[in-house]
């Protein structure tokens, strides 16, 4: 399990390289999703007095 330091080169054992890449990709997707959700909430907070926000809230409330 202990391996010398590498820089994502081919010297990383394939059994460890693939899960590492999947974990990095998953983290990036999670980060981007959370950043976009935060941006959406900030926009709604800044525009909360606009009519389109009220319509959006009413539309989502009737689900």
PDB file of N, CA and C in Angstrom:
ATOM      1  N   UNK A   1       0.821  -1.196   0.000  1.00  0.00           N
ATOM      2  CA  UNK A   1       0.000   0.000   0.000  1.00  0.00           C
ATOM      3  C   UNK A   1       0.864   1.258   0.000  1.00  0.00           C
ATOM      4  N   UNK A   2       2.052   1.192   0.574  1.00  0.00           N
ATOM      5  CA  UNK A   2       2.911   2.380   0.607  1.00  0.00           C
ATOM      6  C   UNK A   2       3.727   2.439  -0.669  1.00  0.00           C
ATOM      7  N   UNK A   3       3.711   3.594  -1.288  1.00  0.00           N
ATOM      8  CA  UNK A   3       4.372   3.765  -2.571  1.00  0.00           C
ATOM      9  C   UNK A   3       5.072   5.107  -2.565  1.00  0.00           C
ATOM     10  N   UNK A   4       6.182   5.196  -3.243  1.00  0.00           N
ATOM     11  CA  UNK A   4       6.900   6.462  -3.335  1.00  0.00           C
ATOM     12  C   UNK A   4       6.071   7.514  -4.047  1.00  0.00           C
ATOM     13  N   UNK A   5       6.480   8.769  -3.890  1.00  0.00           N
ATOM     14  CA  UNK A   5       5.710   9.860  -4.498  1.00  0.00           C
ATOM     15  C   UNK A   5       5.854   9.842  -6.016  1.00  0.00           C
ATOM     16  N   UNK A   6       4.765  10.149  -6.684  1.00  0.00           N
ATOM     17  CA  UNK A   6       4.746  10.242  -8.142  1.00  0.00           C
ATOM     18  C   UNK A   6       3.910  11.445  -8.518  1.00  0.00           C
ATOM     19  N   UNK A   7       3.913  11.762  -9.780  1.00  0.00           N
ATOM     20  CA  UNK A   7       3.114  12.893 -10.265  1.00  0.00           C
ATOM     21  C   UNK A   7       2.113  12.408 -11.298  1.00  0.00           C
ATOM     22  N   UNK A   8       1.273  11.461 -10.887  1.00  0.00           N
ATOM     23  CA  UNK A   8       0.240  10.884 -11.745  1.00  0.00           C
ATOM     24  C   UNK A   8       0.846  10.258 -13.007  1.00  0.00           C
ATOM     25  N   UNK A   9       2.065   9.793 -12.916  1.00  0.00           N
ATOM     26  CA  UNK A   9       2.704   9.136 -14.050  1.00  0.00           C
ATOM     27  C   UNK A   9       2.281   7.679 -14.080  1.00  0.00           C
ATOM     28  N   UNK A  10       2.801   6.970 -15.048  1.00  0.00           N
ATOM     29  CA  UNK A  10       2.441   5.568 -15.202  1.00  0.00           C
ATOM     30  C   UNK A  10       3.052   4.692 -14.119  1.00  0.00           C
ATOM     31  N   UNK A  11       3.891   5.246 -13.253  1.00  0.00           N
ATOM     32  CA  UNK A  11       4.501   4.429 -12.210  1.00  0.00           C
ATOM     33  C   UNK A  11       3.529   4.127 -11.069  1.00  0.00           C
ATOM     34  N   UNK A  12       2.385   4.801 -11.034  1.00  0.00           N
ATOM     35  CA  UNK A  12       1.374   4.485 -10.026  1.00  0.00           C
ATOM     36  C   UNK A  12       0.738   3.152 -10.392  1.00  0.00           C
ATOM     37  N   UNK A  13       0.572   2.308  -9.412  1.00  0.00           N
ATOM     38  CA  UNK A  13      -0.034   1.002  -9.648  1.00  0.00           C
ATOM     39  C   UNK A  13      -1.434   1.194 -10.235  1.00  0.00           C
ATOM     40  N   UNK A  14      -1.780   0.479 -11.308  1.00  0.00           N
ATOM     41  CA  UNK A  14      -3.101   0.652 -11.939  1.00  0.00           C
ATOM     42  C   UNK A  14      -4.266   0.393 -10.986  1.00  0.00           C
ATOM     43  N   UNK A  15      -4.065  -0.472 -10.008  1.00  0.00           N
ATOM     44  CA  UNK A  15      -5.139  -0.733  -9.047  1.00  0.00           C
ATOM     45  C   UNK A  15      -5.422   0.489  -8.178  1.00  0.00           C
ATOM     46  N   UNK A  16      -4.448   1.397  -8.075  1.00  0.00           N
ATOM     47  CA  UNK A  16      -4.637   2.609  -7.280  1.00  0.00           C
ATOM     48  C   UNK A  16      -4.907   3.829  -8.165  1.00  0.00           C
ATOM     49  N   UNK A  17      -4.409   3.804  -9.404  1.00  0.00           N
ATOM     50  CA  UNK A  17      -4.535   4.960 -10.291  1.00  0.00           C
ATOM     51  C   UNK A  17      -5.978   5.204 -10.706  1.00  0.00           C
ATOM     52  N   UNK A  18      -6.673   4.162 -11.091  1.00  0.00           N
ATOM     53  CA  UNK A  18      -8.050   4.318 -11.563  1.00  0.00           C
ATOM     54  C   UNK A  18      -8.981   4.851 -10.470  1.00  0.00           C
ATOM     55  N   UNK A  19      -8.988   4.275  -9.260  1.00  0.00           N
ATOM     56  CA  UNK A  19      -9.855   4.845  -8.217  1.00  0.00           C
ATOM     57  C   UNK A  19      -9.479   6.274  -7.838  1.00  0.00           C
ATOM     58  N   UNK A  20      -8.175   6.580  -7.903  1.00  0.00           N
ATOM     59  CA  UNK A  20      -7.740   7.943  -7.597  1.00  0.00           C
ATOM     60  C   UNK A  20      -8.307   8.928  -8.616  1.00  0.00           C
ATOM     61  N   UNK A  21      -8.246   8.562  -9.873  1.00  0.00           N
ATOM     62  CA  UNK A  21      -8.791   9.448 -10.912  1.00  0.00           C
ATOM     63  C   UNK A  21     -10.302   9.593 -10.784  1.00  0.00           C
ATOM     64  N   UNK A  22     -11.001   8.496 -10.465  1.00  0.00           N
ATOM     65  CA  UNK A  22     -12.455   8.581 -10.271  1.00  0.00           C
ATOM     66  C   UNK A  22     -12.790   9.466  -9.069  1.00  0.00           C
ATOM     67  N   UNK A  23     -12.000   9.359  -8.000  1.00  0.00           N
ATOM     68  CA  UNK A  23     -12.248  10.183  -6.812  1.00  0.00           C
ATOM     69  C   UNK A  23     -12.017  11.660  -7.118  1.00  0.00           C
ATOM     70  N   UNK A  24     -10.971  11.960  -7.873  1.00  0.00           N
ATOM     71  CA  UNK A  24     -10.694  13.351  -8.249  1.00  0.00           C
ATOM     72  C   UNK A  24     -11.818  13.899  -9.128  1.00  0.00           C
ATOM     73  N   UNK A  25     -12.252  13.113 -10.107  1.00  0.00           N
ATOM     74  CA  UNK A  25     -13.345  13.547 -10.987  1.00  0.00           C
ATOM     75  C   UNK A  25     -14.636  13.740 -10.198  1.00  0.00           C
ATOM     76  N   UNK A  26     -14.928  12.833  -9.281  1.00  0.00           N
ATOM     77  CA  UNK A  26     -16.129  12.959  -8.457  1.00  0.00           C
ATOM     78  C   UNK A  26     -16.090  14.193  -7.584  1.00  0.00           C
ATOM     79  N   UNK A  27     -14.920  14.483  -7.000  1.00  0.00           N
ATOM     80  CA  UNK A  27     -14.791  15.670  -6.169  1.00  0.00           C
ATOM     81  C   UNK A  27     -14.998  16.935  -7.000  1.00  0.00           C
ATOM     82  N   UNK A  28     -14.422  16.973  -8.199  1.00  0.00           N
ATOM     83  CA  UNK A  28     -14.597  18.147  -9.054  1.00  0.00           C
ATOM     84  C   UNK A  28     -16.058  18.347  -9.443  1.00  0.00           C
ATOM     85  N   UNK A  29     -16.750  17.263  -9.775  1.00  0.00           N
ATOM     86  CA  UNK A  29     -18.173  17.375 -10.114  1.00  0.00           C
ATOM     87  C   UNK A  29     -18.994  17.845  -8.918  1.00  0.00           C
ATOM     88  N   UNK A  30     -18.687  17.325  -7.737  1.00  0.00           N
ATOM     89  CA  UNK A  30     -19.385  17.763  -6.529  1.00  0.00           C
ATOM     90  C   UNK A  30     -19.128  19.241  -6.265  1.00  0.00           C
ATOM     91  N   UNK A  31     -17.870  19.672  -6.393  1.00  0.00           N
ATOM     92  CA  UNK A  31     -17.524  21.070  -6.165  1.00  0.00           C
ATOM     93  C   UNK A  31     -18.256  21.985  -7.139  1.00  0.00           C
ATOM     94  N   UNK A  32     -18.275  21.612  -8.429  1.00  0.00           N
ATOM     95  CA  UNK A  32     -18.964  22.440  -9.424  1.00  0.00           C
ATOM     96  C   UNK A  32     -20.464  22.488  -9.157  1.00  0.00           C
ATOM     97  N   UNK A  33     -21.055  21.364  -8.773  1.00  0.00           N
ATOM     98  CA  UNK A  33     -22.488  21.330  -8.472  1.00  0.00           C
ATOM     99  C   UNK A  33     -22.814  22.236  -7.299  1.00  0.00           C
ATOM    100  N   UNK A  34     -22.030  22.134  -6.231  1.00  0.00           N
ATOM    101  CA  UNK A  34     -22.282  22.968  -5.055  1.00  0.00           C
ATOM    102  C   UNK A  34     -22.052  24.446  -5.359  1.00  0.00           C
ATOM    103  N   UNK A  35     -21.059  24.764  -6.183  1.00  0.00           N
ATOM    104  CA  UNK A  35     -20.808  26.158  -6.554  1.00  0.00           C
ATOM    105  C   UNK A  35     -21.974  26.721  -7.364  1.00  0.00           C
ATOM    106  N   UNK A  36     -22.506  25.935  -8.298  1.00  0.00           N
ATOM    107  CA  UNK A  36     -23.653  26.398  -9.091  1.00  0.00           C
ATOM    108  C   UNK A  36     -24.905  26.550  -8.231  1.00  0.00           C
ATOM    109  N   UNK A  37     -25.107  25.639  -7.281  1.00  0.00           N
ATOM    110  CA  UNK A  37     -26.260  25.763  -6.380  1.00  0.00           C
ATOM    111  C   UNK A  37     -26.134  27.019  -5.523  1.00  0.00           C
ATOM    112  N   UNK A  38     -24.920  27.320  -5.059  1.00  0.00           N
ATOM    113  CA  UNK A  38     -24.693  28.525  -4.259  1.00  0.00           C
ATOM    114  C   UNK A  38     -24.937  29.775  -5.103  1.00  0.00           C
ATOM    115  N   UNK A  39     -24.472  29.757  -6.351  1.00  0.00           N
ATOM    116  CA  UNK A  39     -24.677  30.896  -7.236  1.00  0.00           C
ATOM    117  C   UNK A  39     -26.162  31.132  -7.484  1.00  0.00           C
ATOM    118  N   UNK A  40     -26.919  30.041  -7.690  1.00  0.00           N
ATOM    119  CA  UNK A  40     -28.361  30.165  -7.898  1.00  0.00           C
ATOM    120  C   UNK A  40     -29.020  30.796  -6.668  1.00  0.00           C
ATOM    121  N   UNK A  41     -28.619  30.347  -5.481  1.00  0.00           N
ATOM    122  CA  UNK A  41     -29.205  30.895  -4.262  1.00  0.00           C
ATOM    123  C   UNK A  41     -28.846  32.361  -4.068  1.00  0.00           C
ATOM    124  N   UNK A  42     -27.621  32.749  -4.419  1.00  0.00           N
ATOM    125  CA  UNK A  42     -27.237  34.155  -4.303  1.00  0.00           C
ATOM    126  C   UNK A  42     -28.039  35.029  -5.263  1.00  0.00           C
ATOM    127  N   UNK A  43     -28.254  34.542  -6.471  1.00  0.00           N
ATOM    128  CA  UNK A  43     -29.056  35.303  -7.440  1.00  0.00           C
ATOM    129  C   UNK A  43     -30.481  35.461  -6.929  1.00  0.00           C
ATOM    130  N   UNK A  44     -31.064  34.378  -6.421  1.00  0.00           N
ATOM    131  CA  UNK A  44     -32.427  34.472  -5.896  1.00  0.00           C
ATOM    132  C   UNK A  44     -32.495  35.406  -4.696  1.00  0.00           C
ATOM    133  N   UNK A  45     -31.465  35.405  -3.871  1.00  0.00           N
ATOM    134  CA  UNK A  45     -31.448  36.286  -2.707  1.00  0.00           C
ATOM    135  C   UNK A  45     -31.357  37.752  -3.133  1.00  0.00           C
ATOM    136  N   UNK A  46     -30.533  38.042  -4.136  1.00  0.00           N
ATOM    137  CA  UNK A  46     -30.400  39.426  -4.601  1.00  0.00           C
ATOM    138  C   UNK A  46     -31.656  39.906  -5.324  1.00  0.00           C
ATOM    139  N   UNK A  47     -32.347  39.013  -5.988  1.00  0.00           N
ATOM    140  CA  UNK A  47     -33.507  39.376  -6.799  1.00  0.00           C
ATOM    141  C   UNK A  47     -34.833  39.033  -6.107  1.00  0.00           C
ATOM    142  N   UNK A  48     -34.803  38.855  -4.802  1.00  0.00           N
ATOM    143  CA  UNK A  48     -35.985  38.329  -4.108  1.00  0.00           C
ATOM    144  C   UNK A  48     -37.222  39.217  -4.219  1.00  0.00           C
ATOM    145  N   UNK A  49     -37.073  40.466  -4.527  1.00  0.00           N
ATOM    146  CA  UNK A  49     -38.237  41.349  -4.638  1.00  0.00           C
ATOM    147  C   UNK A  49     -38.776  41.446  -6.068  1.00  0.00           C
ATOM    148  N   UNK A  50     -38.173  40.751  -6.994  1.00  0.00           N
ATOM    149  CA  UNK A  50     -38.615  40.772  -8.389  1.00  0.00           C
ATOM    150  C   UNK A  50     -39.792  39.829  -8.589  1.00  0.00           C
ATOM    151  N   UNK A  51     -40.687  40.155  -9.508  1.00  0.00           N
ATOM    152  CA  UNK A  51     -41.870  39.309  -9.732  1.00  0.00           C
ATOM    153  C   UNK A  51     -41.528  37.896 -10.210  1.00  0.00           C
ATOM    154  N   UNK A  52     -40.472  37.735 -10.999  1.00  0.00           N
ATOM    155  CA  UNK A  52     -40.155  36.403 -11.518  1.00  0.00           C
ATOM    156  C   UNK A  52     -39.738  35.451 -10.408  1.00  0.00           C
ATOM    157  N   UNK A  53     -39.165  35.991  -9.322  1.00  0.00           N
ATOM    158  CA  UNK A  53     -38.775  35.135  -8.195  1.00  0.00           C
ATOM    159  C   UNK A  53     -40.025  34.659  -7.467  1.00  0.00           C
ATOM    160  N   UNK A  54     -40.985  35.554  -7.287  1.00  0.00           N
ATOM    161  CA  UNK A  54     -42.241  35.160  -6.642  1.00  0.00           C
ATOM    162  C   UNK A  54     -42.964  34.094  -7.455  1.00  0.00           C
ATOM    163  N   UNK A  55     -42.975  34.255  -8.771  1.00  0.00           N
ATOM    164  CA  UNK A  55     -43.611  33.250  -9.632  1.00  0.00           C
ATOM    165  C   UNK A  55     -42.895  31.907  -9.530  1.00  0.00           C
ATOM    166  N   UNK A  56     -41.587  31.946  -9.474  1.00  0.00           N
ATOM    167  CA  UNK A  56     -40.802  30.714  -9.362  1.00  0.00           C
ATOM    168  C   UNK A  56     -41.091  29.999  -8.044  1.00  0.00           C
ATOM    169  N   UNK A  57     -41.187  30.761  -6.975  1.00  0.00           N
ATOM    170  CA  UNK A  57     -41.470  30.165  -5.664  1.00  0.00           C
ATOM    171  C   UNK A  57     -42.865  29.565  -5.643  1.00  0.00           C
ATOM    172  N   UNK A  58     -43.837  30.281  -6.213  1.00  0.00           N
ATOM    173  CA  UNK A  58     -45.199  29.752  -6.256  1.00  0.00           C
ATOM    174  C   UNK A  58     -45.277  28.495  -7.111  1.00  0.00           C
ATOM    175  N   UNK A  59     -44.569  28.483  -8.227  1.00  0.00           N
ATOM    176  CA  UNK A  59     -44.578  27.323  -9.121  1.00  0.00           C
ATOM    177  C   UNK A  59     -43.955  26.104  -8.435  1.00  0.00           C
ATOM    178  N   UNK A  60     -42.865  26.296  -7.718  1.00  0.00           N
ATOM    179  CA  UNK A  60     -42.201  25.185  -7.026  1.00  0.00           C
ATOM    180  C   UNK A  60     -42.961  24.746  -5.783  1.00  0.00           C
ATOM    181  N   UNK A  61     -43.751  25.616  -5.225  1.00  0.00           N
ATOM    182  CA  UNK A  61     -44.506  25.274  -4.028  1.00  0.00           C
ATOM    183  C   UNK A  61     -45.684  24.360  -4.292  1.00  0.00           C
ATOM    184  N   UNK A  62     -46.148  24.284  -5.534  1.00  0.00           N
ATOM    185  CA  UNK A  62     -47.320  23.473  -5.884  1.00  0.00           C
ATOM    186  C   UNK A  62     -46.956  22.096  -6.402  1.00  0.00           C
ATOM    187  N   UNK A  63     -45.748  21.623  -6.128  1.00  0.00           N
ATOM    188  CA  UNK A  63     -45.335  20.289  -6.584  1.00  0.00           C
ATOM    189  C   UNK A  63     -45.931  19.204  -5.770  1.00  0.00           C
TER     190      UNK A  63
END
